[in-house]
Amino acid sequence: QVQLVESGGGLVQAGGSLRLSCAASGTDFSITVMAWYRQAPGKQRALVATITSGGRTNYADSVKGRFTISRGDDKNTLYLQMNSLKPEDTAVYYCNQYSTFPAWSWGQGTQVTVSS
């Protein structure tokens, strides 16, 4: 059974940076298109960034130029470097497969709070 564990969130002032990590067990997600998602209070979960097995990336317009998705040197770690954070980036962040209906269960997420 695949388990996803996100970490690295916290409270940061606007303009600050955070680096999120996602660790997976029970699978090798190096061959899978992976994604970061976020869910703000009262809103639906939204796609933030994706990365293919070959390293090609794509970003939501709202984070383009500020966030960077990457894979670890091992096969089962995913990162999201977040710079120039804004209050509107406040959300719980999740990693999972890039899919409308990911086959893997969602992790607990990691809370990111950006103060103005």
N, C-alpha and C. Protein backbone atom coordinates (compact mmCIF):
# COMPACT_ATOMS: atom_id res chain seq x y z
N GLN A 1 0.84 -1.18 0.00
CA GLN A 1 0.00 0.00 0.00
C GLN A 1 0.88 1.24 0.00
N VAL A 2 0.58 2.17 -0.87
CA VAL A 2 1.37 3.38 -0.99
C VAL A 2 1.03 4.35 0.12
N GLN A 3 2.06 4.88 0.75
CA GLN A 3 1.87 5.93 1.74
C GLN A 3 2.66 7.16 1.33
N LEU A 4 1.99 8.29 1.39
CA LEU A 4 2.61 9.57 1.07
C LEU A 4 2.67 10.41 2.33
N VAL A 5 3.86 10.97 2.59
CA VAL A 5 4.04 11.78 3.79
C VAL A 5 4.64 13.11 3.38
N GLU A 6 3.88 14.18 3.57
CA GLU A 6 4.34 15.53 3.26
C GLU A 6 4.88 16.20 4.52
N SER A 7 5.88 17.04 4.33
CA SER A 7 6.46 17.77 5.46
C SER A 7 7.08 19.07 4.96
N GLY A 8 7.47 19.91 5.91
CA GLY A 8 8.17 21.13 5.57
C GLY A 8 7.34 22.39 5.64
N GLY A 9 6.06 22.26 5.91
CA GLY A 9 5.21 23.44 6.01
C GLY A 9 5.50 24.23 7.28
N GLY A 10 4.83 25.36 7.39
CA GLY A 10 5.01 26.19 8.58
C GLY A 10 4.41 27.56 8.38
N LEU A 11 4.74 28.43 9.33
CA LEU A 11 4.28 29.81 9.29
C LEU A 11 5.43 30.69 8.81
N VAL A 12 5.16 31.50 7.79
CA VAL A 12 6.20 32.35 7.23
C VAL A 12 5.59 33.69 6.85
N GLN A 13 6.39 34.72 6.88
CA GLN A 13 5.92 36.04 6.47
C GLN A 13 5.89 36.14 4.95
N ALA A 14 5.05 37.01 4.46
CA ALA A 14 4.99 37.26 3.02
C ALA A 14 6.39 37.62 2.51
N GLY A 15 6.73 37.03 1.36
CA GLY A 15 8.05 37.23 0.79
C GLY A 15 9.05 36.17 1.18
N GLY A 16 8.68 35.35 2.15
CA GLY A 16 9.58 34.31 2.62
C GLY A 16 9.55 33.06 1.75
N SER A 17 10.29 32.06 2.21
CA SER A 17 10.43 30.81 1.45
C SER A 17 10.22 29.60 2.34
N LEU A 18 9.76 28.54 1.72
CA LEU A 18 9.66 27.24 2.37
C LEU A 18 9.99 26.16 1.34
N ARG A 19 10.48 25.04 1.83
CA ARG A 19 10.71 23.89 0.97
C ARG A 19 9.93 22.70 1.50
N LEU A 20 8.99 22.24 0.71
CA LEU A 20 8.17 21.10 1.09
C LEU A 20 8.79 19.81 0.56
N SER A 21 8.59 18.75 1.31
CA SER A 21 9.07 17.42 0.90
C SER A 21 7.93 16.44 0.91
N CYS A 22 8.03 15.45 0.05
CA CYS A 22 7.05 14.37 -0.02
C CYS A 22 7.83 13.07 -0.11
N ALA A 23 7.59 12.20 0.83
CA ALA A 23 8.24 10.90 0.83
C ALA A 23 7.20 9.82 0.60
N ALA A 24 7.55 8.86 -0.25
CA ALA A 24 6.61 7.79 -0.57
C ALA A 24 7.19 6.44 -0.15
N SER A 25 6.35 5.60 0.33
CA SER A 25 6.73 4.22 0.62
C SER A 25 5.74 3.30 -0.07
N GLY A 26 6.22 2.13 -0.44
CA GLY A 26 5.34 1.16 -1.06
C GLY A 26 5.26 1.26 -2.56
N THR A 27 6.04 2.16 -3.14
CA THR A 27 6.02 2.29 -4.59
C THR A 27 7.27 3.01 -5.05
N ASP A 28 7.50 2.94 -6.33
CA ASP A 28 8.57 3.71 -6.96
C ASP A 28 7.89 4.74 -7.83
N PHE A 29 7.86 6.00 -7.40
CA PHE A 29 7.12 6.98 -8.20
C PHE A 29 8.01 7.74 -9.17
N SER A 30 9.24 7.21 -9.35
CA SER A 30 10.11 7.85 -10.32
C SER A 30 9.60 7.72 -11.75
N ILE A 31 8.74 6.75 -12.00
CA ILE A 31 8.22 6.56 -13.35
C ILE A 31 6.84 7.17 -13.52
N THR A 32 6.40 7.87 -12.51
CA THR A 32 5.04 8.43 -12.50
C THR A 32 5.10 9.94 -12.61
N VAL A 33 4.15 10.51 -13.32
CA VAL A 33 4.03 11.97 -13.30
C VAL A 33 3.49 12.34 -11.92
N MET A 34 4.23 13.14 -11.22
CA MET A 34 3.87 13.51 -9.85
C MET A 34 3.43 14.97 -9.80
N ALA A 35 2.71 15.29 -8.75
CA ALA A 35 2.17 16.64 -8.64
C ALA A 35 2.10 17.09 -7.20
N TRP A 36 2.13 18.37 -7.04
CA TRP A 36 1.77 19.02 -5.77
C TRP A 36 0.41 19.67 -5.97
N TYR A 37 -0.40 19.53 -4.95
CA TYR A 37 -1.72 20.16 -4.92
C TYR A 37 -1.83 20.98 -3.64
N ARG A 38 -2.82 21.85 -3.59
CA ARG A 38 -3.07 22.57 -2.34
C ARG A 38 -4.56 22.79 -2.18
N GLN A 39 -4.95 22.89 -0.92
CA GLN A 39 -6.36 23.15 -0.60
C GLN A 39 -6.43 24.25 0.43
N ALA A 40 -6.95 25.38 0.01
CA ALA A 40 -7.13 26.51 0.90
C ALA A 40 -8.46 26.36 1.64
N PRO A 41 -8.61 27.00 2.79
CA PRO A 41 -9.86 26.90 3.55
C PRO A 41 -11.08 27.27 2.71
N GLY A 42 -12.06 26.39 2.70
CA GLY A 42 -13.29 26.65 1.97
C GLY A 42 -13.20 26.47 0.47
N LYS A 43 -12.07 25.99 -0.01
CA LYS A 43 -11.90 25.82 -1.45
C LYS A 43 -11.59 24.36 -1.79
N GLN A 44 -11.76 24.03 -3.06
CA GLN A 44 -11.43 22.69 -3.50
C GLN A 44 -9.92 22.54 -3.67
N ARG A 45 -9.47 21.31 -3.63
CA ARG A 45 -8.06 21.02 -3.86
C ARG A 45 -7.70 21.44 -5.28
N ALA A 46 -6.55 22.09 -5.44
CA ALA A 46 -6.14 22.61 -6.74
C ALA A 46 -4.73 22.15 -7.08
N LEU A 47 -4.49 21.98 -8.36
CA LEU A 47 -3.18 21.58 -8.83
C LEU A 47 -2.21 22.76 -8.77
N VAL A 48 -1.01 22.50 -8.27
CA VAL A 48 0.00 23.55 -8.15
C VAL A 48 1.12 23.35 -9.18
N ALA A 49 1.63 22.13 -9.26
CA ALA A 49 2.77 21.87 -10.15
C ALA A 49 2.85 20.39 -10.45
N THR A 50 3.43 20.08 -11.62
CA THR A 50 3.63 18.69 -12.00
C THR A 50 5.06 18.49 -12.51
N ILE A 51 5.50 17.23 -12.45
CA ILE A 51 6.82 16.89 -12.98
C ILE A 51 6.75 15.48 -13.56
N THR A 52 7.27 15.34 -14.78
CA THR A 52 7.27 14.03 -15.44
C THR A 52 8.48 13.22 -14.97
N SER A 53 8.51 11.98 -15.39
CA SER A 53 9.66 11.13 -15.05
C SER A 53 10.94 11.69 -15.67
N GLY A 54 10.80 12.39 -16.76
CA GLY A 54 11.96 12.99 -17.43
C GLY A 54 12.35 14.35 -16.91
N GLY A 55 11.58 14.85 -15.95
CA GLY A 55 11.92 16.12 -15.33
C GLY A 55 11.24 17.34 -15.93
N ARG A 56 10.33 17.12 -16.87
CA ARG A 56 9.61 18.27 -17.43
C ARG A 56 8.59 18.75 -16.41
N THR A 57 8.54 20.06 -16.21
CA THR A 57 7.67 20.63 -15.18
C THR A 57 6.61 21.53 -15.76
N ASN A 58 5.56 21.71 -14.99
CA ASN A 58 4.50 22.63 -15.37
C ASN A 58 3.91 23.21 -14.09
N TYR A 59 3.43 24.46 -14.17
CA TYR A 59 2.98 25.16 -12.98
C TYR A 59 1.66 25.87 -13.22
N ALA A 60 0.91 25.99 -12.16
CA ALA A 60 -0.27 26.84 -12.20
C ALA A 60 0.19 28.28 -12.40
N ASP A 61 -0.60 29.06 -13.09
CA ASP A 61 -0.21 30.45 -13.37
C ASP A 61 0.06 31.22 -12.09
N SER A 62 -0.66 30.91 -11.04
CA SER A 62 -0.55 31.66 -9.79
C SER A 62 0.80 31.47 -9.09
N VAL A 63 1.53 30.41 -9.44
CA VAL A 63 2.80 30.15 -8.76
C VAL A 63 3.99 30.17 -9.71
N LYS A 64 3.71 30.35 -10.99
CA LYS A 64 4.78 30.32 -11.98
C LYS A 64 5.83 31.38 -11.68
N GLY A 65 7.09 30.99 -11.72
CA GLY A 65 8.18 31.91 -11.43
C GLY A 65 8.54 32.01 -9.96
N ARG A 66 7.70 31.43 -9.10
CA ARG A 66 7.96 31.50 -7.66
C ARG A 66 8.21 30.13 -7.05
N PHE A 67 7.55 29.11 -7.59
CA PHE A 67 7.66 27.75 -7.06
C PHE A 67 8.45 26.88 -8.03
N THR A 68 9.17 25.90 -7.46
CA THR A 68 9.93 24.95 -8.27
C THR A 68 9.68 23.54 -7.76
N ILE A 69 9.19 22.67 -8.62
CA ILE A 69 8.99 21.27 -8.27
C ILE A 69 10.21 20.48 -8.74
N SER A 70 10.63 19.51 -7.94
CA SER A 70 11.78 18.70 -8.32
C SER A 70 11.68 17.33 -7.67
N ARG A 71 12.48 16.42 -8.18
CA ARG A 71 12.57 15.07 -7.61
C ARG A 71 13.90 14.91 -6.88
N GLY A 72 13.89 14.09 -5.83
CA GLY A 72 15.11 13.79 -5.12
C GLY A 72 15.98 12.82 -5.91
N ASP A 73 17.22 12.66 -5.48
CA ASP A 73 18.13 11.73 -6.13
C ASP A 73 17.71 10.28 -5.91
N ASP A 74 17.04 10.03 -4.81
CA ASP A 74 16.47 8.69 -4.65
C ASP A 74 15.21 8.63 -5.50
N LYS A 75 14.50 7.55 -5.46
CA LYS A 75 13.36 7.38 -6.36
C LYS A 75 12.06 7.84 -5.78
N ASN A 76 12.05 8.12 -4.50
CA ASN A 76 10.76 8.32 -3.86
C ASN A 76 10.65 9.60 -3.04
N THR A 77 11.27 10.66 -3.51
CA THR A 77 11.13 11.93 -2.83
C THR A 77 10.79 13.02 -3.83
N LEU A 78 9.89 13.87 -3.43
CA LEU A 78 9.45 15.00 -4.26
C LEU A 78 9.58 16.26 -3.45
N TYR A 79 9.95 17.35 -4.10
CA TYR A 79 10.12 18.61 -3.39
C TYR A 79 9.31 19.71 -4.07
N LEU A 80 9.01 20.73 -3.28
CA LEU A 80 8.42 21.96 -3.80
C LEU A 80 9.11 23.13 -3.10
N GLN A 81 9.96 23.82 -3.83
CA GLN A 81 10.60 25.03 -3.32
C GLN A 81 9.68 26.20 -3.58
N MET A 82 9.30 26.89 -2.53
CA MET A 82 8.36 28.00 -2.65
C MET A 82 9.03 29.29 -2.21
N ASN A 83 9.17 30.21 -3.12
CA ASN A 83 9.79 31.50 -2.84
C ASN A 83 8.77 32.63 -3.02
N SER A 84 9.10 33.78 -2.50
CA SER A 84 8.23 34.96 -2.63
C SER A 84 6.79 34.62 -2.26
N LEU A 85 6.64 33.97 -1.14
CA LEU A 85 5.32 33.51 -0.72
C LEU A 85 4.38 34.68 -0.47
N LYS A 86 3.10 34.43 -0.78
CA LYS A 86 2.05 35.43 -0.62
C LYS A 86 0.98 34.87 0.32
N PRO A 87 0.22 35.74 0.97
CA PRO A 87 -0.86 35.24 1.85
C PRO A 87 -1.81 34.28 1.12
N GLU A 88 -2.03 34.51 -0.16
CA GLU A 88 -2.93 33.63 -0.91
C GLU A 88 -2.36 32.25 -1.18
N ASP A 89 -1.10 32.02 -0.81
CA ASP A 89 -0.51 30.68 -0.90
C ASP A 89 -0.86 29.84 0.32
N THR A 90 -1.48 30.45 1.31
CA THR A 90 -1.87 29.72 2.51
C THR A 90 -2.82 28.58 2.17
N ALA A 91 -2.44 27.37 2.56
CA ALA A 91 -3.22 26.17 2.22
C ALA A 91 -2.55 24.95 2.84
N VAL A 92 -3.24 23.84 2.77
CA VAL A 92 -2.62 22.55 3.06
C VAL A 92 -2.11 21.99 1.73
N TYR A 93 -0.86 21.60 1.71
CA TYR A 93 -0.22 21.13 0.49
C TYR A 93 -0.08 19.61 0.52
N TYR A 94 -0.38 18.99 -0.62
CA TYR A 94 -0.35 17.54 -0.77
C TYR A 94 0.44 17.15 -2.01
N CYS A 95 1.03 15.97 -1.96
CA CYS A 95 1.62 15.40 -3.17
C CYS A 95 0.82 14.16 -3.55
N ASN A 96 0.84 13.84 -4.82
CA ASN A 96 0.18 12.63 -5.30
C ASN A 96 0.49 12.47 -6.78
N GLN A 97 -0.02 11.42 -7.36
CA GLN A 97 0.07 11.26 -8.81
C GLN A 97 -0.64 12.43 -9.48
N TYR A 98 -0.22 12.74 -10.70
CA TYR A 98 -0.94 13.73 -11.48
C TYR A 98 -2.11 13.01 -12.14
N SER A 99 -3.28 13.19 -11.60
CA SER A 99 -4.47 12.51 -12.10
C SER A 99 -5.71 13.19 -11.53
N THR A 100 -6.79 13.15 -12.29
CA THR A 100 -8.05 13.68 -11.78
C THR A 100 -8.50 12.88 -10.57
N PHE A 101 -8.24 11.60 -10.65
CA PHE A 101 -8.58 10.71 -9.54
C PHE A 101 -7.36 9.85 -9.22
N PRO A 102 -6.43 10.39 -8.44
CA PRO A 102 -5.22 9.62 -8.12
C PRO A 102 -5.55 8.28 -7.48
N ALA A 103 -4.81 7.27 -7.89
CA ALA A 103 -5.06 5.93 -7.35
C ALA A 103 -4.53 5.78 -5.93
N TRP A 104 -3.57 6.62 -5.56
CA TRP A 104 -3.00 6.52 -4.23
C TRP A 104 -3.81 7.34 -3.23
N SER A 105 -3.85 6.86 -2.01
CA SER A 105 -4.54 7.60 -0.96
C SER A 105 -3.79 8.90 -0.65
N TRP A 106 -4.53 9.91 -0.29
CA TRP A 106 -3.92 11.18 0.06
C TRP A 106 -3.23 11.08 1.42
N GLY A 107 -2.10 11.76 1.56
CA GLY A 107 -1.44 11.87 2.84
C GLY A 107 -2.14 12.89 3.71
N GLN A 108 -1.51 13.22 4.82
CA GLN A 108 -2.14 14.19 5.74
C GLN A 108 -1.90 15.62 5.30
N GLY A 109 -0.99 15.80 4.37
CA GLY A 109 -0.68 17.15 3.90
C GLY A 109 0.20 17.90 4.88
N THR A 110 0.66 19.05 4.45
CA THR A 110 1.46 19.92 5.32
C THR A 110 0.94 21.34 5.21
N GLN A 111 0.71 21.96 6.35
CA GLN A 111 0.08 23.28 6.39
C GLN A 111 1.11 24.37 6.10
N VAL A 112 0.78 25.23 5.17
CA VAL A 112 1.58 26.41 4.88
C VAL A 112 0.72 27.63 5.20
N THR A 113 1.23 28.48 6.06
CA THR A 113 0.52 29.71 6.42
C THR A 113 1.44 30.89 6.16
N VAL A 114 0.97 31.82 5.35
CA VAL A 114 1.75 33.00 4.99
C VAL A 114 1.06 34.22 5.58
N SER A 115 1.76 34.91 6.44
CA SER A 115 1.19 36.11 7.07
C SER A 115 1.57 37.35 6.29
N SER A 116 0.67 38.32 6.33
CA SER A 116 0.93 39.56 5.58
C SER A 116 1.68 40.56 6.42
